[in-house]
Protein backbone atom coordinates (compact mmCIF):
# COMPACT_ATOMS: atom_id res chain seq x y z
CA MET A 1 3.09 6.07 -0.16
CA GLU A 2 -0.03 6.74 -2.19
CA LYS A 3 1.76 8.74 -4.86
CA ASP A 4 4.84 6.59 -5.60
CA GLY A 5 4.20 3.39 -3.64
CA CYS A 6 2.52 0.21 -4.81
CA PHE A 7 0.18 -1.56 -2.36
CA LEU A 8 0.96 -5.28 -2.14
CA THR A 9 -1.01 -6.89 0.70
CA THR A 10 -2.34 -6.38 4.21
CA LYS A 11 -2.92 -8.21 7.48
CA VAL A 12 -4.72 -7.55 10.78
CA SER A 13 -2.84 -7.64 14.09
CA GLN A 14 -4.49 -7.90 17.51
CA ASN A 15 -7.84 -7.02 15.89
CA ASN A 16 -6.89 -3.34 16.23
CA TYR A 17 -4.13 -2.74 13.71
CA LEU A 18 -4.17 -2.94 9.95
CA ILE A 19 -0.62 -3.52 8.67
CA SER A 20 -0.12 -2.90 4.97
CA LEU A 21 2.89 -3.80 2.86
CA TYR A 22 3.99 -1.49 0.05
CA GLU A 23 6.80 -1.45 -2.48
CA ILE A 24 8.32 1.97 -3.10
CA TYR A 25 11.54 2.92 -4.93
CA GLY A 26 12.72 -0.70 -4.88
CA PHE A 27 12.14 -1.22 -1.15
CA TYR A 28 9.38 -2.74 0.97
CA VAL A 29 7.67 -0.59 3.61
CA GLU A 30 5.12 -1.51 6.28
CA SER A 31 2.45 0.97 7.30
CA THR A 32 0.57 0.36 10.57
CA TYR A 33 -2.89 1.87 10.96
CA ASP A 34 -4.65 1.94 14.36
CA CYS A 35 -8.30 1.14 13.64
CA VAL A 36 -9.48 2.35 17.07
CA GLN A 37 -7.77 5.76 16.90
CA MET A 38 -8.28 5.89 13.12
CA LYS A 39 -4.75 7.07 12.33
CA THR A 40 -1.44 5.83 10.96
CA VAL A 41 0.88 5.10 13.88
CA ARG A 42 3.98 3.77 12.13
CA VAL A 43 5.67 3.59 8.74
CA GLU A 44 8.85 1.50 8.67
CA PRO A 45 11.16 -0.01 6.06
CA VAL A 46 11.27 -3.81 5.90
CA LEU A 47 14.83 -4.89 6.65
CA SER A 48 14.43 -8.65 6.24
CA SER A 49 12.68 -10.85 3.71
CA ASN A 50 11.45 -13.00 6.63
CA VAL A 51 8.67 -10.49 7.28
CA LEU A 52 7.02 -11.59 4.02
CA GLU A 53 6.24 -14.95 5.63
CA LEU A 54 3.93 -13.16 8.08
CA TYR A 55 1.55 -12.03 5.35
CA PRO A 56 -1.25 -14.11 3.82
CA PRO A 57 0.00 -16.44 1.07
CA ALA A 58 -2.65 -15.25 -1.39
CA LYS A 59 -0.05 -13.13 -3.15
CA GLN A 60 3.33 -14.60 -3.91
CA LEU A 61 5.83 -11.86 -3.13
CA GLN A 62 9.55 -11.90 -3.70
CA PHE A 63 11.98 -9.76 -1.76
CA LEU A 64 13.60 -7.20 -4.03
CA ASN A 65 17.37 -7.49 -4.45
């Protein structure tokens, strides 16, 4: 993710998880970081543009076609 991905935005879930959205190779990917355990617990592709509505509106993102 760090080498070829582009960080877009982030959000906090349940005060314990930092969920970051990246664009990589024309796709969106979410990375979930557990702040208590201090480790990445999940990296998943975004399969629907609806997930973008869950992020702060500070950045206007468009789902890649």
